Amino acid sequence: MRHIADLQTIPAVGQRTATELVDAGCTSVADMHLPQYNKMLTSAQRIGLLYLDHINEPVSREEAEDVIEFIRYHISSKFEVHLMGSYRRDSSTLSDIDVLLFHPSYIHIPTPRPSALDFTRSRSRGKQPHPFNTGRPTVAQRQNSPLIQDVVHPLEAAGLLATPLMAGPRKWQGVALLPKKVDGAWEEVGVRLRDLRAKRGVYRRLDLNLAPMKSRGAAMLALTGDVDFVRSLRVTACKLGMHLNEYGLWRWNTNVTASTPSASSTSTSPPSSSSSADEDEEQEQKETEDSEGMEDGFWELIEGENEEGIMRELGMNYVPPDKRNFRFLKGSKRGRPRKGR
């Protein structure tokens, strides 16, 4: 059991992989570099092993701020770029660098899948999938994603992104080379690219997330954490017959009329005319197909833009980011929201 636990210190290595490795004779992290064990790893697991000494180190607030400054310098100024996670909760050190981006042309809000309706009635409610992870994207989704085309590609060219662990239309996870300044300016890109090839420098885990503008509040809630706080909000939403995800707070509305729900109250707003339009149309078509066979009704978006508004709908006072942990939850409740909202 100790060997299994040791191998699970590698990012993306779970209990099943660790058990298979131990059964094959691998008893240490060092053994995982041996060809017979290394070939048992996925691409993401090999990357985690390769950069283990770097990404196991805590990230300082200053390092995270340098990365954000570098990102803002190298992508369009139309993007809003925010540091999330434990940085926003005012922690002195971080486990990784969580970044949330908004763009004025990225507006489509995907509807919760049908399983979310069962989720509100399930005993497992409160468990949260990774925000903005859409599973395995198609080639078209990658090509039409503003995150990939307008953020990831420029940052790769600038020598920030070392290697991806996963790359989707709304979320990129991977390893980044911490940027440095020389005489007040960012070091030359040629130097950074040579360092990347030689694996010189200091590397940290980096997550890039792209959210629709009208999901600002829900996205910031989901990515600020902590895990216990977000789980508590989701459980509260379930108890009230609602569903909370990174796009908003939703209610299943069975009051179906002949007219289609308005874009302001549901996720059926038209996709933007930007490069994300094809991706949005494909995603919307898939989500519509997923909804076939459900009981009559539609998902109504109650609140997505404002963190305070979401907490208010859940019957809570606003909880500032630095207090978002389980210890402060009991004092934040103030009764159930008003009916008819």
C-alpha atoms as a PDB file:
ATOM      1  CA  MET A   1       0.000   0.000   0.000  1.00  0.00           C
ATOM      2  CA  ARG A   2       2.890   2.393   0.723  1.00  0.00           C
ATOM      3  CA  HIS A   3       4.282   1.900  -2.791  1.00  0.00           C
ATOM      4  CA  ILE A   4       0.874   2.643  -4.312  1.00  0.00           C
ATOM      5  CA  ALA A   5       0.595   5.857  -2.293  1.00  0.00           C
ATOM      6  CA  ASP A   6       4.112   6.916  -3.341  1.00  0.00           C
ATOM      7  CA  LEU A   7       3.346   6.478  -7.040  1.00  0.00           C
ATOM      8  CA  GLN A   8       0.149   8.512  -6.682  1.00  0.00           C
ATOM      9  CA  THR A   9       2.244  11.588  -5.871  1.00  0.00           C
ATOM     10  CA  ILE A  10       2.764  11.889  -9.640  1.00  0.00           C
ATOM     11  CA  PRO A  11       0.144  14.197 -11.219  1.00  0.00           C
ATOM     12  CA  ALA A  12      -2.583  12.288 -13.116  1.00  0.00           C
ATOM     13  CA  VAL A  13      -1.567   8.929 -11.596  1.00  0.00           C
ATOM     14  CA  GLY A  14      -4.560   7.474  -9.771  1.00  0.00           C
ATOM     15  CA  GLN A  15      -4.984   4.374  -7.672  1.00  0.00           C
ATOM     16  CA  ARG A  16      -5.690   2.087 -10.625  1.00  0.00           C
ATOM     17  CA  THR A  17      -2.524   3.042 -12.519  1.00  0.00           C
ATOM     18  CA  ALA A  18      -0.438   2.951  -9.344  1.00  0.00           C
ATOM     19  CA  THR A  19      -1.762  -0.521  -8.506  1.00  0.00           C
ATOM     20  CA  GLU A  20      -1.022  -1.789 -12.011  1.00  0.00           C
ATOM     21  CA  LEU A  21       2.525  -0.421 -11.778  1.00  0.00           C
ATOM     22  CA  VAL A  22       3.157  -2.028  -8.388  1.00  0.00           C
ATOM     23  CA  ASP A  23       1.739  -5.339  -9.631  1.00  0.00           C
ATOM     24  CA  ALA A  24       4.199  -5.112 -12.532  1.00  0.00           C
ATOM     25  CA  GLY A  25       7.107  -4.631 -10.111  1.00  0.00           C
ATOM     26  CA  CYS A  26       7.430  -0.830  -9.920  1.00  0.00           C
ATOM     27  CA  THR A  27       8.054   0.143  -6.290  1.00  0.00           C
ATOM     28  CA  SER A  28       9.231   3.773  -6.458  1.00  0.00           C
ATOM     29  CA  VAL A  29       8.923   7.012  -8.399  1.00  0.00           C
ATOM     30  CA  ALA A  30      12.471   6.441  -9.661  1.00  0.00           C
ATOM     31  CA  ASP A  31      11.387   3.081 -11.119  1.00  0.00           C
ATOM     32  CA  MET A  32       8.751   4.862 -13.217  1.00  0.00           C
ATOM     33  CA  HIS A  33      11.518   6.222 -15.442  1.00  0.00           C
ATOM     34  CA  LEU A  34      12.479   2.680 -16.477  1.00  0.00           C
ATOM     35  CA  PRO A  35      11.213   1.785 -19.977  1.00  0.00           C
ATOM     36  CA  GLN A  36       9.093  -1.182 -18.880  1.00  0.00           C
ATOM     37  CA  TYR A  37       7.123   1.013 -16.466  1.00  0.00           C
ATOM     38  CA  ASN A  38       7.260   4.304 -18.355  1.00  0.00           C
ATOM     39  CA  LYS A  39       5.446   2.745 -21.311  1.00  0.00           C
ATOM     40  CA  MET A  40       2.524   1.977 -18.978  1.00  0.00           C
ATOM     41  CA  LEU A  41       1.961   5.705 -18.400  1.00  0.00           C
ATOM     42  CA  THR A  42      -0.246   8.042 -20.379  1.00  0.00           C
ATOM     43  CA  SER A  43       1.168  11.161 -22.006  1.00  0.00           C
ATOM     44  CA  ALA A  44      -0.113  13.339 -19.147  1.00  0.00           C
ATOM     45  CA  GLN A  45       1.404  11.017 -16.543  1.00  0.00           C
ATOM     46  CA  ARG A  46       4.799  11.105 -18.274  1.00  0.00           C
ATOM     47  CA  ILE A  47       4.679  14.889 -18.261  1.00  0.00           C
ATOM     48  CA  GLY A  48       3.841  14.886 -14.562  1.00  0.00           C
ATOM     49  CA  LEU A  49       6.791  12.597 -13.907  1.00  0.00           C
ATOM     50  CA  LEU A  50       9.146  14.681 -16.042  1.00  0.00           C
ATOM     51  CA  TYR A  51       8.334  17.967 -14.277  1.00  0.00           C
ATOM     52  CA  LEU A  52       7.630  16.478 -10.850  1.00  0.00           C
ATOM     53  CA  ASP A  53      10.327  18.383  -8.944  1.00  0.00           C
ATOM     54  CA  HIS A  54       9.037  21.670 -10.360  1.00  0.00           C
ATOM     55  CA  ILE A  55       5.274  21.288 -10.053  1.00  0.00           C
ATOM     56  CA  ASN A  56       5.451  19.869  -6.535  1.00  0.00           C
ATOM     57  CA  GLU A  57       6.998  23.143  -5.397  1.00  0.00           C
ATOM     58  CA  PRO A  58       4.602  25.796  -4.034  1.00  0.00           C
ATOM     59  CA  VAL A  59       3.931  28.807  -6.243  1.00  0.00           C
ATOM     60  CA  SER A  60       4.520  32.238  -4.732  1.00  0.00           C
ATOM     61  CA  ARG A  61       2.043  35.065  -5.262  1.00  0.00           C
ATOM     62  CA  GLU A  62       4.788  37.012  -7.038  1.00  0.00           C
ATOM     63  CA  GLU A  63       5.343  34.153  -9.508  1.00  0.00           C
ATOM     64  CA  ALA A  64       1.624  33.992 -10.265  1.00  0.00           C
ATOM     65  CA  GLU A  65       1.494  37.767 -10.761  1.00  0.00           C
ATOM     66  CA  ASP A  66       4.438  37.608 -13.175  1.00  0.00           C
ATOM     67  CA  VAL A  67       2.643  34.959 -15.234  1.00  0.00           C
ATOM     68  CA  ILE A  68      -0.525  37.058 -15.398  1.00  0.00           C
ATOM     69  CA  GLU A  69       1.452  40.132 -16.461  1.00  0.00           C
ATOM     70  CA  PHE A  70       3.214  38.084 -19.148  1.00  0.00           C
ATOM     71  CA  ILE A  71      -0.105  36.718 -20.435  1.00  0.00           C
ATOM     72  CA  ARG A  72      -1.680  40.175 -20.639  1.00  0.00           C
ATOM     73  CA  TYR A  73       1.348  41.462 -22.530  1.00  0.00           C
ATOM     74  CA  HIS A  74       1.200  38.715 -25.176  1.00  0.00           C
ATOM     75  CA  ILE A  75      -2.529  38.369 -25.948  1.00  0.00           C
ATOM     76  CA  SER A  76      -5.224  40.774 -27.124  1.00  0.00           C
ATOM     77  CA  SER A  77      -6.104  43.522 -24.666  1.00  0.00           C
ATOM     78  CA  LYS A  78      -9.776  42.651 -25.231  1.00  0.00           C
ATOM     79  CA  PHE A  79      -9.310  39.663 -22.934  1.00  0.00           C
ATOM     80  CA  GLU A  80      -9.914  40.110 -19.225  1.00  0.00           C
ATOM     81  CA  VAL A  81      -7.394  38.026 -17.286  1.00  0.00           C
ATOM     82  CA  HIS A  82      -7.882  37.128 -13.605  1.00  0.00           C
ATOM     83  CA  LEU A  83      -5.952  35.061 -11.075  1.00  0.00           C
ATOM     84  CA  MET A  84      -8.227  32.611  -9.302  1.00  0.00           C
ATOM     85  CA  GLY A  85      -7.961  29.683  -6.887  1.00  0.00           C
ATOM     86  CA  SER A  86      -6.031  30.085  -3.665  1.00  0.00           C
ATOM     87  CA  TYR A  87      -4.543  33.353  -4.945  1.00  0.00           C
ATOM     88  CA  ARG A  88      -7.986  34.972  -4.839  1.00  0.00           C
ATOM     89  CA  ARG A  89      -8.556  33.407  -1.420  1.00  0.00           C
ATOM     90  CA  ASP A  90      -5.492  35.388  -0.281  1.00  0.00           C
ATOM     91  CA  SER A  91      -3.239  32.386   0.393  1.00  0.00           C
ATOM     92  CA  SER A  92       0.457  33.167   0.745  1.00  0.00           C
ATOM     93  CA  THR A  93       1.448  30.237  -1.510  1.00  0.00           C
ATOM     94  CA  LEU A  94      -0.416  28.391  -4.254  1.00  0.00           C
ATOM     95  CA  SER A  95      -0.358  24.819  -5.519  1.00  0.00           C
ATOM     96  CA  ASP A  96      -0.716  25.990  -9.127  1.00  0.00           C
ATOM     97  CA  ILE A  97      -1.658  29.050 -11.171  1.00  0.00           C
ATOM     98  CA  ASP A  98      -5.384  29.256 -12.014  1.00  0.00           C
ATOM     99  CA  VAL A  99      -6.314  31.803 -14.679  1.00  0.00           C
ATOM    100  CA  LEU A 100      -9.799  32.852 -15.789  1.00  0.00           C
ATOM    101  CA  LEU A 101     -10.321  34.729 -19.048  1.00  0.00           C
ATOM    102  CA  PHE A 102     -13.291  36.589 -20.507  1.00  0.00           C
ATOM    103  CA  HIS A 103     -13.709  38.047 -23.997  1.00  0.00           C
ATOM    104  CA  PRO A 104     -16.590  40.314 -25.084  1.00  0.00           C
ATOM    105  CA  SER A 105     -17.340  38.144 -28.137  1.00  0.00           C
ATOM    106  CA  TYR A 106     -17.461  34.900 -26.164  1.00  0.00           C
ATOM    107  CA  ILE A 107     -21.043  34.870 -24.929  1.00  0.00           C
ATOM    108  CA  HIS A 108     -22.656  31.456 -25.471  1.00  0.00           C
ATOM    109  CA  ILE A 109     -23.709  29.753 -22.233  1.00  0.00           C
ATOM    110  CA  PRO A 110     -24.110  25.979 -22.623  1.00  0.00           C
ATOM    111  CA  THR A 111     -27.235  24.443 -21.132  1.00  0.00           C
ATOM    112  CA  PRO A 112     -26.745  21.865 -18.367  1.00  0.00           C
ATOM    113  CA  ARG A 113     -26.984  18.337 -19.684  1.00  0.00           C
ATOM    114  CA  PRO A 114     -29.994  16.154 -18.848  1.00  0.00           C
ATOM    115  CA  SER A 115     -28.013  14.352 -16.162  1.00  0.00           C
ATOM    116  CA  ALA A 116     -28.013  17.583 -14.173  1.00  0.00           C
ATOM    117  CA  LEU A 117     -31.757  17.171 -13.577  1.00  0.00           C
ATOM    118  CA  ASP A 118     -31.156  13.767 -12.011  1.00  0.00           C
ATOM    119  CA  PHE A 119     -28.236  15.297 -10.144  1.00  0.00           C
ATOM    120  CA  THR A 120     -30.593  17.558  -8.193  1.00  0.00           C
ATOM    121  CA  ARG A 121     -32.365  14.418  -6.928  1.00  0.00           C
ATOM    122  CA  SER A 122     -29.257  12.291  -6.378  1.00  0.00           C
ATOM    123  CA  ARG A 123     -27.564  11.314  -3.162  1.00  0.00           C
ATOM    124  CA  SER A 124     -24.199  12.150  -4.772  1.00  0.00           C
ATOM    125  CA  ARG A 125     -25.133  15.783  -5.264  1.00  0.00           C
ATOM    126  CA  GLY A 126     -22.442  18.329  -4.499  1.00  0.00           C
ATOM    127  CA  LYS A 127     -19.680  16.522  -6.354  1.00  0.00           C
ATOM    128  CA  GLN A 128     -18.229  18.871  -8.937  1.00  0.00           C
ATOM    129  CA  PRO A 129     -16.572  17.886 -12.222  1.00  0.00           C
ATOM    130  CA  HIS A 130     -13.585  19.920 -13.343  1.00  0.00           C
ATOM    131  CA  PRO A 131     -14.924  23.338 -14.416  1.00  0.00           C
ATOM    132  CA  PHE A 132     -14.843  24.032 -18.178  1.00  0.00           C
ATOM    133  CA  ASN A 133     -13.635  20.532 -19.032  1.00  0.00           C
ATOM    134  CA  THR A 134     -15.686  19.488 -22.066  1.00  0.00           C
ATOM    135  CA  GLY A 135     -14.119  16.068 -22.477  1.00  0.00           C
ATOM    136  CA  ARG A 136     -12.264  15.122 -25.643  1.00  0.00           C
ATOM    137  CA  PRO A 137     -12.745  17.975 -28.149  1.00  0.00           C
ATOM    138  CA  THR A 138     -13.142  17.532 -31.887  1.00  0.00           C
ATOM    139  CA  VAL A 139     -10.641  18.962 -34.360  1.00  0.00           C
ATOM    140  CA  ALA A 140     -13.201  21.601 -35.340  1.00  0.00           C
ATOM    141  CA  GLN A 141     -13.681  22.649 -31.713  1.00  0.00           C
ATOM    142  CA  ARG A 142      -9.933  23.086 -31.287  1.00  0.00           C
ATOM    143  CA  GLN A 143      -9.619  25.060 -34.511  1.00  0.00           C
ATOM    144  CA  ASN A 144     -12.512  27.374 -33.652  1.00  0.00           C
ATOM    145  CA  SER A 145     -11.737  27.876 -29.970  1.00  0.00           C
ATOM    146  CA  PRO A 146     -10.715  31.431 -29.029  1.00  0.00           C
ATOM    147  CA  LEU A 147      -8.883  29.956 -26.048  1.00  0.00           C
ATOM    148  CA  ILE A 148      -6.697  27.761 -28.274  1.00  0.00           C
ATOM    149  CA  GLN A 149      -6.301  30.177 -31.181  1.00  0.00           C
ATOM    150  CA  ASP A 150      -6.065  33.536 -29.399  1.00  0.00           C
ATOM    151  CA  VAL A 151      -4.526  32.582 -26.054  1.00  0.00           C
ATOM    152  CA  VAL A 152      -2.722  29.237 -26.147  1.00  0.00           C
ATOM    153  CA  HIS A 153      -1.042  29.636 -29.535  1.00  0.00           C
ATOM    154  CA  PRO A 154       0.340  33.148 -28.805  1.00  0.00           C
ATOM    155  CA  LEU A 155       1.608  31.999 -25.402  1.00  0.00           C
ATOM    156  CA  GLU A 156       3.272  28.962 -26.977  1.00  0.00           C
ATOM    157  CA  ALA A 157       4.968  31.245 -29.495  1.00  0.00           C
ATOM    158  CA  ALA A 158       6.079  33.535 -26.654  1.00  0.00           C
ATOM    159  CA  GLY A 159       7.726  30.650 -24.813  1.00  0.00           C
ATOM    160  CA  LEU A 160       5.421  30.515 -21.784  1.00  0.00           C
ATOM    161  CA  LEU A 161       3.670  27.162 -22.283  1.00  0.00           C
ATOM    162  CA  ALA A 162       5.978  24.169 -22.040  1.00  0.00           C
ATOM    163  CA  THR A 163       3.590  21.269 -22.617  1.00  0.00           C
ATOM    164  CA  PRO A 164      -0.135  20.534 -22.242  1.00  0.00           C
ATOM    165  CA  LEU A 165      -1.700  18.004 -19.919  1.00  0.00           C
ATOM    166  CA  MET A 166      -5.041  18.601 -21.636  1.00  0.00           C
ATOM    167  CA  ALA A 167      -6.277  21.140 -24.168  1.00  0.00           C
ATOM    168  CA  GLY A 168      -9.972  21.771 -24.740  1.00  0.00           C
ATOM    169  CA  PRO A 169     -11.990  24.633 -26.244  1.00  0.00           C
ATOM    170  CA  ARG A 170     -12.660  26.141 -22.801  1.00  0.00           C
ATOM    171  CA  LYS A 171      -9.823  24.783 -20.646  1.00  0.00           C
ATOM    172  CA  TRP A 172      -6.068  24.283 -21.071  1.00  0.00           C
ATOM    173  CA  GLN A 173      -4.027  22.568 -18.367  1.00  0.00           C
ATOM    174  CA  GLY A 174      -0.303  22.113 -18.517  1.00  0.00           C
ATOM    175  CA  VAL A 175       3.150  23.221 -17.483  1.00  0.00           C
ATOM    176  CA  ALA A 176       4.525  26.741 -17.931  1.00  0.00           C
ATOM    177  CA  LEU A 177       8.037  28.173 -17.837  1.00  0.00           C
ATOM    178  CA  LEU A 178       8.052  31.047 -15.357  1.00  0.00           C
ATOM    179  CA  PRO A 179       8.864  34.321 -17.155  1.00  0.00           C
ATOM    180  CA  LYS A 180      11.789  36.546 -16.232  1.00  0.00           C
ATOM    181  CA  LYS A 181      12.591  40.180 -16.880  1.00  0.00           C
ATOM    182  CA  VAL A 182      15.962  41.541 -17.975  1.00  0.00           C
ATOM    183  CA  ASP A 183      16.503  45.272 -17.382  1.00  0.00           C
ATOM    184  CA  GLY A 184      12.782  45.755 -16.868  1.00  0.00           C
ATOM    185  CA  ALA A 185      11.708  43.938 -20.062  1.00  0.00           C
ATOM    186  CA  TRP A 186      10.671  40.362 -20.691  1.00  0.00           C
ATOM    187  CA  GLU A 187      13.618  38.257 -21.811  1.00  0.00           C
ATOM    188  CA  GLU A 188      13.872  37.608 -25.543  1.00  0.00           C
ATOM    189  CA  VAL A 189      11.553  34.961 -26.911  1.00  0.00           C
ATOM    190  CA  GLY A 190      14.462  33.125 -28.531  1.00  0.00           C
ATOM    191  CA  VAL A 191      16.064  32.652 -25.123  1.00  0.00           C
ATOM    192  CA  ARG A 192      12.815  31.329 -23.669  1.00  0.00           C
ATOM    193  CA  LEU A 193      12.286  28.891 -26.531  1.00  0.00           C
ATOM    194  CA  ARG A 194      15.826  27.559 -26.162  1.00  0.00           C
ATOM    195  CA  ASP A 195      15.240  27.145 -22.426  1.00  0.00           C
ATOM    196  CA  LEU A 196      12.034  25.230 -23.150  1.00  0.00           C
ATOM    197  CA  ARG A 197      13.799  22.860 -25.523  1.00  0.00           C
ATOM    198  CA  ALA A 198      16.595  22.292 -22.998  1.00  0.00           C
ATOM    199  CA  LYS A 199      14.124  22.172 -20.083  1.00  0.00           C
ATOM    200  CA  ARG A 200      16.037  24.907 -18.295  1.00  0.00           C
ATOM    201  CA  GLY A 201      14.386  27.308 -15.868  1.00  0.00           C
ATOM    202  CA  VAL A 202      11.585  27.014 -13.332  1.00  0.00           C
ATOM    203  CA  TYR A 203       8.288  25.380 -14.267  1.00  0.00           C
ATOM    204  CA  ARG A 204       4.865  25.477 -12.623  1.00  0.00           C
ATOM    205  CA  ARG A 205       1.383  24.045 -13.238  1.00  0.00           C
ATOM    206  CA  LEU A 206      -0.902  26.431 -15.126  1.00  0.00           C
ATOM    207  CA  ASP A 207      -4.642  26.264 -15.851  1.00  0.00           C
ATOM    208  CA  LEU A 208      -6.247  28.567 -18.426  1.00  0.00           C
ATOM    209  CA  ASN A 209     -10.065  28.781 -18.414  1.00  0.00           C
ATOM    210  CA  LEU A 210     -12.324  30.694 -20.811  1.00  0.00           C
ATOM    211  CA  ALA A 211     -15.827  31.597 -19.589  1.00  0.00           C
ATOM    212  CA  PRO A 212     -18.767  33.429 -21.208  1.00  0.00           C
ATOM    213  CA  MET A 213     -19.161  37.031 -20.089  1.00  0.00           C
ATOM    214  CA  LYS A 214     -22.628  36.399 -18.653  1.00  0.00           C
ATOM    215  CA  SER A 215     -21.234  33.537 -16.546  1.00  0.00           C
ATOM    216  CA  ARG A 216     -18.739  35.796 -14.791  1.00  0.00           C
ATOM    217  CA  GLY A 217     -20.079  35.284 -11.264  1.00  0.00           C
ATOM    218  CA  ALA A 218     -20.579  31.526 -11.546  1.00  0.00           C
ATOM    219  CA  ALA A 219     -17.162  31.050 -13.139  1.00  0.00           C
ATOM    220  CA  MET A 220     -15.436  33.048 -10.430  1.00  0.00           C
ATOM    221  CA  LEU A 221     -17.260  31.070  -7.733  1.00  0.00           C
ATOM    222  CA  ALA A 222     -16.277  27.744  -9.285  1.00  0.00           C
ATOM    223  CA  LEU A 223     -12.617  28.654  -9.777  1.00  0.00           C
ATOM    224  CA  THR A 224     -12.089  30.522  -6.499  1.00  0.00           C
ATOM    225  CA  GLY A 225     -13.014  27.517  -4.345  1.00  0.00           C
ATOM    226  CA  ASP A 226     -12.250  26.113  -1.990  1.00  0.00           C
ATOM    227  CA  VAL A 227     -13.585  22.638  -2.775  1.00  0.00           C
ATOM    228  CA  ASP A 228     -15.629  22.398   0.438  1.00  0.00           C
ATOM    229  CA  PHE A 229     -17.175  25.822  -0.082  1.00  0.00           C
ATOM    230  CA  VAL A 230     -18.191  25.152  -3.688  1.00  0.00           C
ATOM    231  CA  ARG A 231     -19.546  21.716  -2.774  1.00  0.00           C
ATOM    232  CA  SER A 232     -21.659  23.292  -0.044  1.00  0.00           C
ATOM    233  CA  LEU A 233     -23.127  25.795  -2.512  1.00  0.00           C
ATOM    234  CA  ARG A 234     -23.977  23.022  -4.948  1.00  0.00           C
ATOM    235  CA  VAL A 235     -25.614  20.931  -2.229  1.00  0.00           C
ATOM    236  CA  THR A 236     -27.640  23.962  -1.137  1.00  0.00           C
ATOM    237  CA  ALA A 237     -28.737  24.526  -4.730  1.00  0.00           C
ATOM    238  CA  CYS A 238     -29.809  20.876  -4.990  1.00  0.00           C
ATOM    239  CA  LYS A 239     -31.868  21.106  -1.811  1.00  0.00           C
ATOM    240  CA  LEU A 240     -33.660  24.089  -3.326  1.00  0.00           C
ATOM    241  CA  GLY A 241     -34.360  22.178  -6.549  1.00  0.00           C
ATOM    242  CA  MET A 242     -31.720  24.055  -8.527  1.00  0.00           C
ATOM    243  CA  HIS A 243     -28.430  23.237 -10.226  1.00  0.00           C
ATOM    244  CA  LEU A 244     -25.212  25.251  -9.828  1.00  0.00           C
ATOM    245  CA  ASN A 245     -22.308  24.886 -12.228  1.00  0.00           C
ATOM    246  CA  GLU A 246     -19.529  27.103 -13.574  1.00  0.00           C
ATOM    247  CA  TYR A 247     -21.954  28.765 -15.999  1.00  0.00           C
ATOM    248  CA  GLY A 248     -24.699  29.776 -13.613  1.00  0.00           C
ATOM    249  CA  LEU A 249     -27.456  28.872 -11.191  1.00  0.00           C
ATOM    250  CA  TRP A 250     -30.254  27.014 -12.989  1.00  0.00           C
ATOM    251  CA  ARG A 251     -33.803  25.881 -12.332  1.00  0.00           C
ATOM    252  CA  TRP A 252     -35.673  23.246 -14.324  1.00  0.00           C
ATOM    253  CA  ASN A 253     -38.817  24.991 -15.533  1.00  0.00           C
ATOM    254  CA  THR A 254     -41.746  22.745 -16.453  1.00  0.00           C
ATOM    255  CA  ASN A 255     -44.044  25.676 -17.252  1.00  0.00           C
ATOM    256  CA  VAL A 256     -43.642  25.156 -21.001  1.00  0.00           C
ATOM    257  CA  THR A 257     -45.506  27.494 -23.315  1.00  0.00           C
ATOM    258  CA  ALA A 258     -45.705  27.651 -27.060  1.00  0.00           C
ATOM    259  CA  SER A 259     -43.033  30.311 -27.182  1.00  0.00           C
ATOM    260  CA  THR A 260     -39.327  29.659 -26.745  1.00  0.00           C
ATOM    261  CA  PRO A 261     -37.804  30.983 -23.517  1.00  0.00           C
ATOM    262  CA  SER A 262     -36.034  34.288 -23.923  1.00  0.00           C
ATOM    263  CA  ALA A 263     -32.265  34.422 -24.278  1.00  0.00           C
ATOM    264  CA  SER A 264     -31.989  36.513 -21.140  1.00  0.00           C
ATOM    265  CA  SER A 265     -33.384  33.769 -18.938  1.00  0.00           C
ATOM    266  CA  THR A 266     -31.964  30.651 -20.596  1.00  0.00           C
ATOM    267  CA  SER A 267     -28.839  29.442 -22.291  1.00  0.00           C
ATOM    268  CA  THR A 268     -30.402  29.519 -25.737  1.00  0.00           C
ATOM    269  CA  SER A 269     -28.854  32.896 -26.553  1.00  0.00           C
ATOM    270  CA  PRO A 270     -27.251  32.919 -30.018  1.00  0.00           C
ATOM    271  CA  PRO A 271     -23.551  32.174 -30.263  1.00  0.00           C
ATOM    272  CA  SER A 272     -21.155  35.000 -31.012  1.00  0.00           C
ATOM    273  CA  SER A 273     -20.098  35.814 -34.545  1.00  0.00           C
ATOM    274  CA  SER A 274     -16.464  35.359 -33.544  1.00  0.00           C
ATOM    275  CA  SER A 275     -14.272  32.344 -34.274  1.00  0.00           C
ATOM    276  CA  SER A 276     -16.117  30.418 -31.555  1.00  0.00           C
ATOM    277  CA  ALA A 277     -19.398  30.337 -33.488  1.00  0.00           C
ATOM    278  CA  ASP A 278     -18.936  26.913 -35.082  1.00  0.00           C
ATOM    279  CA  GLU A 279     -17.889  25.405 -31.763  1.00  0.00           C
ATOM    280  CA  ASP A 280     -20.903  26.943 -30.055  1.00  0.00           C
ATOM    281  CA  GLU A 281     -23.290  25.634 -32.714  1.00  0.00           C
ATOM    282  CA  GLU A 282     -21.831  22.128 -32.466  1.00  0.00           C
ATOM    283  CA  GLN A 283     -22.008  22.187 -28.694  1.00  0.00           C
ATOM    284  CA  GLU A 284     -25.563  23.544 -28.689  1.00  0.00           C
ATOM    285  CA  GLN A 285     -26.672  20.871 -31.170  1.00  0.00           C
ATOM    286  CA  LYS A 286     -25.107  18.139 -29.018  1.00  0.00           C
ATOM    287  CA  GLU A 287     -26.723  19.501 -25.873  1.00  0.00           C
ATOM    288  CA  THR A 288     -30.093  19.708 -27.650  1.00  0.00           C
ATOM    289  CA  GLU A 289     -29.758  16.087 -28.760  1.00  0.00           C
ATOM    290  CA  ASP A 290     -28.830  15.109 -25.200  1.00  0.00           C
ATOM    291  CA  SER A 291     -32.038  16.750 -23.980  1.00  0.00           C
ATOM    292  CA  GLU A 292     -34.322  14.604 -26.137  1.00  0.00           C
ATOM    293  CA  GLY A 293     -36.401  12.256 -24.071  1.00  0.00           C
ATOM    294  CA  MET A 294     -36.374  14.449 -20.987  1.00  0.00           C
ATOM    295  CA  GLU A 295     -39.557  15.430 -19.244  1.00  0.00           C
ATOM    296  CA  ASP A 296     -41.075  18.540 -20.836  1.00  0.00           C
ATOM    297  CA  GLY A 297     -39.416  21.733 -19.718  1.00  0.00           C
ATOM    298  CA  PHE A 298     -36.283  23.786 -20.074  1.00  0.00           C
ATOM    299  CA  TRP A 299     -33.361  24.978 -17.991  1.00  0.00           C
ATOM    300  CA  GLU A 300     -33.874  28.539 -16.809  1.00  0.00           C
ATOM    301  CA  LEU A 301     -30.783  30.548 -15.944  1.00  0.00           C
ATOM    302  CA  ILE A 302     -31.551  32.243 -12.627  1.00  0.00           C
ATOM    303  CA  GLU A 303     -28.230  34.033 -12.100  1.00  0.00           C
ATOM    304  CA  GLY A 304     -24.779  33.797 -13.644  1.00  0.00           C
ATOM    305  CA  GLU A 305     -23.172  37.218 -13.843  1.00  0.00           C
ATOM    306  CA  ASN A 306     -22.897  38.072 -10.177  1.00  0.00           C
ATOM    307  CA  GLU A 307     -21.447  36.128  -7.232  1.00  0.00           C
ATOM    308  CA  GLU A 308     -23.524  38.082  -4.742  1.00  0.00           C
ATOM    309  CA  GLY A 309     -26.668  37.348  -6.739  1.00  0.00           C
ATOM    310  CA  ILE A 310     -25.990  33.615  -6.789  1.00  0.00           C
ATOM    311  CA  MET A 311     -25.425  33.503  -3.042  1.00  0.00           C
ATOM    312  CA  ARG A 312     -28.549  35.582  -2.478  1.00  0.00           C
ATOM    313  CA  GLU A 313     -30.650  33.130  -4.521  1.00  0.00           C
ATOM    314  CA  LEU A 314     -29.218  30.358  -2.329  1.00  0.00           C
ATOM    315  CA  GLY A 315     -30.314  32.194   0.809  1.00  0.00           C
ATOM    316  CA  MET A 316     -26.812  33.267   1.831  1.00  0.00           C
ATOM    317  CA  ASN A 317     -25.061  36.467   2.696  1.00  0.00           C
ATOM    318  CA  TYR A 318     -22.109  37.296   0.462  1.00  0.00           C
ATOM    319  CA  VAL A 319     -18.930  35.486   1.523  1.00  0.00           C
ATOM    320  CA  PRO A 320     -15.700  37.275   0.499  1.00  0.00           C
ATOM    321  CA  PRO A 321     -13.071  35.127  -1.251  1.00  0.00           C
ATOM    322  CA  ASP A 322     -10.662  35.012   1.692  1.00  0.00           C
ATOM    323  CA  LYS A 323     -13.364  33.393   3.850  1.00  0.00           C
ATOM    324  CA  ARG A 324     -14.513  30.764   1.351  1.00  0.00           C
ATOM    325  CA  ASN A 325     -13.794  27.630   3.295  1.00  0.00           C
ATOM    326  CA  PHE A 326     -15.887  25.220   5.293  1.00  0.00           C
ATOM    327  CA  ARG A 327     -15.237  26.935   8.641  1.00  0.00           C
ATOM    328  CA  PHE A 328     -17.138  30.043   7.566  1.00  0.00           C
ATOM    329  CA  LEU A 329     -20.120  28.351   5.948  1.00  0.00           C
ATOM    330  CA  LYS A 330     -22.469  28.104   8.924  1.00  0.00           C
ATOM    331  CA  GLY A 331     -22.377  31.826   9.594  1.00  0.00           C
ATOM    332  CA  SER A 332     -23.227  32.751   6.010  1.00  0.00           C
ATOM    333  CA  LYS A 333     -26.732  31.243   5.809  1.00  0.00           C
ATOM    334  CA  ARG A 334     -29.725  33.487   6.317  1.00  0.00           C
ATOM    335  CA  GLY A 335     -32.764  31.459   5.269  1.00  0.00           C
ATOM    336  CA  ARG A 336     -34.241  30.245   2.031  1.00  0.00           C
ATOM    337  CA  PRO A 337     -34.744  32.482  -0.994  1.00  0.00           C
ATOM    338  CA  ARG A 338     -38.171  33.946  -1.636  1.00  0.00           C
ATOM    339  CA  LYS A 339     -40.583  31.788  -3.590  1.00  0.00           C
ATOM    340  CA  GLY A 340     -41.527  32.752  -7.084  1.00  0.00           C
ATOM    341  CA  ARG A 341     -38.058  34.020  -7.961  1.00  0.00           C
END
